[in-house]
Amino acid sequence: MNTLKYSVAISLISAFLWTSTPFAADKLAGEQQAANCIGCHGSIGHGGHADHNPAPNLYAQQPGYLINQLNAFKTGTRSNAIMKAMASNLSDDDIKNLAAYFSSAPTIKTETNVSLAKVGQAKASMCLGCHGPTAEGNGQFPRLAGQRADYIVNQLASFKAGVRKNGQMQAIANTLNEEDMQALAAYFSGL
């Protein structure tokens, strides 16, 4: 029984340290490092640029999620040649600083098709269980609220085609047609 209490205590302490680490990071250093990210991901309040790249909006994303994704690109467990090159040069502190900066930025709403968003709202409950009740995301799942609609559609299509690997997301994406993807994207981008 004592080993169980010890294991639970260690797990709680580890979870506390893991979740509190990004907030101890240096946001100013992260802002300076983010200059390398803005070309694809855009500046605060603007997100990525749909007309020339598929990069997501990183602003107001959860710090744990950003850390997890940068580490996945760095180790190659998530595949993207540009991001692999960018992340491979980042130290653990750099990653924490970038996460602190991007997560501290204000949320933005992107323009959306209101009638299509209403259709998406009716379908959104399948997403909110993992992505949070207001689509705010967490360390494991990304923030969808305010994400660019074209990026959401692209990622859903990538999961459906098996280009991005995640059993749960692939299963959900396989239930969606193109209209469903567009409607969900319109809804989440307008939150």
Protein backbone atom coordinates (compact mmCIF):
# COMPACT_ATOMS: atom_id res chain seq x y z
CA MET A 1 0.00 0.00 0.00
CA ASN A 2 2.87 2.38 0.79
CA THR A 3 4.32 1.83 -2.67
CA LEU A 4 0.96 2.76 -4.17
CA LYS A 5 0.86 5.99 -2.14
CA TYR A 6 4.46 6.70 -3.12
CA SER A 7 3.68 6.09 -6.83
CA VAL A 8 0.62 8.34 -6.69
CA ALA A 9 2.61 11.08 -4.95
CA ILE A 10 5.41 10.90 -7.53
CA SER A 11 2.86 10.97 -10.36
CA LEU A 12 1.15 14.05 -8.93
CA ILE A 13 4.43 15.86 -8.41
CA SER A 14 5.57 14.98 -11.94
CA ALA A 15 2.27 16.15 -13.41
CA PHE A 16 2.53 19.42 -11.49
CA LEU A 17 6.09 20.02 -12.65
CA TRP A 18 5.23 19.12 -16.25
CA THR A 19 2.21 21.43 -16.44
CA SER A 20 3.88 24.29 -14.61
CA THR A 21 7.14 24.20 -16.58
CA PRO A 22 5.94 26.20 -19.63
CA PHE A 23 4.79 29.07 -17.44
CA ALA A 24 8.27 29.41 -15.92
CA ALA A 25 9.68 29.99 -19.39
CA ASP A 26 10.89 33.32 -20.72
CA LYS A 27 8.15 34.84 -22.91
CA LEU A 28 10.42 37.67 -24.06
CA ALA A 29 13.04 35.19 -25.27
CA GLY A 30 10.23 33.25 -26.94
CA GLU A 31 9.02 36.40 -28.70
CA GLN A 32 12.52 37.01 -30.05
CA GLN A 33 12.79 33.39 -31.22
CA ALA A 34 9.33 33.60 -32.79
CA ALA A 35 10.70 35.95 -35.43
CA ASN A 36 11.76 32.74 -37.21
CA CYS A 37 8.17 31.46 -37.11
CA ILE A 38 6.26 34.50 -38.31
CA GLY A 39 7.06 33.99 -42.00
CA CYS A 40 4.82 30.91 -42.06
CA HIS A 41 2.64 31.22 -38.97
CA GLY A 42 1.95 34.96 -39.20
CA SER A 43 2.08 37.66 -36.57
CA ILE A 44 -0.15 38.07 -33.52
CA GLY A 45 -3.73 38.51 -34.59
CA HIS A 46 -3.11 37.28 -38.13
CA GLY A 47 -2.20 33.60 -37.88
CA GLY A 48 -0.82 31.78 -40.90
CA HIS A 49 -1.43 32.85 -44.43
CA ALA A 50 -3.71 30.52 -46.41
CA ASP A 51 -2.68 31.93 -49.76
CA HIS A 52 0.86 30.56 -49.67
CA ASN A 53 1.30 27.94 -46.95
CA PRO A 54 -0.53 25.41 -44.84
CA ALA A 55 0.87 26.60 -41.49
CA PRO A 56 -1.53 26.78 -38.53
CA ASN A 57 -2.25 29.71 -36.29
CA LEU A 58 -0.13 29.18 -33.15
CA TYR A 59 -1.45 32.09 -31.12
CA ALA A 60 -3.31 31.21 -27.89
CA GLN A 61 -2.48 27.53 -28.41
CA GLN A 62 -1.96 25.59 -25.16
CA PRO A 63 1.72 25.57 -24.04
CA GLY A 64 1.80 21.82 -23.40
CA TYR A 65 0.50 21.13 -26.89
CA LEU A 66 3.10 23.41 -28.48
CA ILE A 67 5.88 21.75 -26.50
CA ASN A 68 4.65 18.29 -27.49
CA GLN A 69 4.43 19.19 -31.18
CA LEU A 70 7.81 20.92 -31.36
CA ASN A 71 9.40 17.90 -29.69
CA ALA A 72 7.58 15.59 -32.12
CA PHE A 73 8.94 17.56 -35.09
CA LYS A 74 12.41 17.61 -33.49
CA THR A 75 12.49 13.84 -33.00
CA GLY A 76 10.80 13.08 -36.31
CA THR A 77 7.73 11.43 -34.80
CA ARG A 78 5.69 14.09 -36.61
CA SER A 79 6.74 14.54 -40.20
CA ASN A 80 7.27 17.91 -41.88
CA ALA A 81 10.61 18.75 -43.48
CA ILE A 82 10.44 22.48 -42.72
CA MET A 83 9.39 22.00 -39.11
CA LYS A 84 11.96 19.23 -38.59
CA ALA A 85 14.68 21.64 -39.73
CA MET A 86 13.35 24.46 -37.56
CA ALA A 87 12.81 22.34 -34.43
CA SER A 88 16.07 20.41 -34.67
CA ASN A 89 17.98 23.56 -33.71
CA LEU A 90 15.83 24.31 -30.66
CA SER A 91 16.95 23.52 -27.12
CA ASP A 92 14.44 22.42 -24.49
CA ASP A 93 14.49 25.97 -23.10
CA ASP A 94 13.91 27.43 -26.59
CA ILE A 95 10.87 25.18 -27.00
CA LYS A 96 9.48 26.21 -23.60
CA ASN A 97 10.10 29.88 -24.36
CA LEU A 98 8.32 29.67 -27.72
CA ALA A 99 5.41 27.85 -26.10
CA ALA A 100 5.19 30.51 -23.39
CA TYR A 101 5.16 33.29 -25.98
CA PHE A 102 2.61 31.79 -28.38
CA SER A 103 0.31 30.59 -25.59
CA SER A 104 0.28 34.03 -23.95
CA ALA A 105 -0.88 35.78 -27.11
CA PRO A 106 -4.53 36.84 -27.33
CA THR A 107 -7.02 34.60 -29.04
CA ILE A 108 -8.16 35.61 -32.46
CA LYS A 109 -11.24 34.87 -34.49
CA THR A 110 -10.89 34.31 -38.17
CA GLU A 111 -13.57 35.31 -40.63
CA THR A 112 -16.07 32.57 -41.23
CA ASN A 113 -19.14 31.68 -43.25
CA VAL A 114 -21.90 32.11 -40.63
CA SER A 115 -24.47 29.79 -42.23
CA LEU A 116 -21.87 27.05 -42.72
CA ALA A 117 -20.67 27.57 -39.14
CA LYS A 118 -24.20 26.85 -37.86
CA VAL A 119 -24.09 23.48 -39.64
CA GLY A 120 -20.66 22.84 -38.11
CA GLN A 121 -21.87 23.73 -34.63
CA ALA A 122 -24.43 20.93 -34.82
CA LYS A 123 -21.63 18.45 -35.63
CA ALA A 124 -18.98 19.83 -33.25
CA SER A 125 -19.85 17.72 -30.21
CA MET A 126 -17.79 14.85 -31.62
CA CYS A 127 -14.71 17.08 -31.32
CA LEU A 128 -15.31 18.79 -27.99
CA GLY A 129 -14.75 15.73 -25.83
CA CYS A 130 -11.03 15.80 -26.63
CA HIS A 131 -10.46 19.40 -27.73
CA GLY A 132 -12.30 20.87 -24.74
CA PRO A 133 -15.82 22.23 -24.22
CA THR A 134 -14.91 25.52 -25.88
CA ALA A 135 -12.38 23.95 -28.29
CA GLU A 136 -9.56 25.45 -26.21
CA GLY A 137 -7.36 22.34 -26.47
CA ASN A 138 -4.93 20.95 -23.90
CA GLY A 139 -1.47 19.41 -23.82
CA GLN A 140 -2.47 16.46 -25.98
CA PHE A 141 -5.07 18.00 -28.29
CA PRO A 142 -4.77 21.34 -30.14
CA ARG A 143 -6.89 24.42 -29.73
CA LEU A 144 -9.40 24.54 -32.57
CA ALA A 145 -11.07 27.82 -31.59
CA GLY A 146 -9.78 30.56 -33.88
CA GLN A 147 -7.77 28.18 -36.05
CA ARG A 148 -7.81 28.95 -39.76
CA ALA A 149 -10.61 27.05 -41.51
CA ASP A 150 -8.42 25.99 -44.43
CA TYR A 151 -5.89 24.51 -42.01
CA ILE A 152 -8.59 22.52 -40.16
CA VAL A 153 -9.95 21.14 -43.45
CA ASN A 154 -6.43 20.24 -44.59
CA GLN A 155 -5.67 18.37 -41.36
CA LEU A 156 -8.98 16.49 -41.37
CA ALA A 157 -8.32 15.45 -44.97
CA SER A 158 -4.78 14.37 -44.02
CA PHE A 159 -6.12 12.20 -41.19
CA LYS A 160 -8.76 10.71 -43.50
CA ALA A 161 -6.14 9.92 -46.15
CA GLY A 162 -3.79 8.43 -43.55
CA VAL A 163 -1.10 11.06 -44.17
CA ARG A 164 -1.32 12.10 -40.53
CA LYS A 165 -1.41 9.18 -38.15
CA ASN A 166 -3.65 9.10 -35.10
CA GLY A 167 -6.13 6.27 -34.76
CA GLN A 168 -8.81 8.30 -33.05
CA MET A 169 -8.59 11.24 -35.46
CA GLN A 170 -8.42 8.93 -38.46
CA ALA A 171 -11.59 7.15 -37.29
CA ILE A 172 -13.42 10.46 -36.84
CA ALA A 173 -12.18 11.90 -40.13
CA ASN A 174 -13.33 8.77 -41.95
CA THR A 175 -16.91 9.57 -40.90
CA LEU A 176 -16.72 13.04 -42.46
CA ASN A 177 -17.34 14.09 -46.03
CA GLU A 178 -15.94 17.28 -47.56
CA GLU A 179 -19.03 19.30 -46.58
CA ASP A 180 -18.77 18.13 -42.97
CA MET A 181 -15.11 19.16 -42.86
CA GLN A 182 -15.90 22.60 -44.29
CA ALA A 183 -18.76 23.10 -41.80
CA LEU A 184 -16.69 22.07 -38.78
CA ALA A 185 -13.83 24.28 -39.92
CA ALA A 186 -16.16 27.26 -40.37
CA TYR A 187 -17.54 26.77 -36.87
CA PHE A 188 -14.20 26.38 -35.08
CA SER A 189 -12.49 29.20 -36.96
CA GLY A 190 -15.21 31.59 -35.82
CA LEU A 191 -14.96 30.79 -32.10
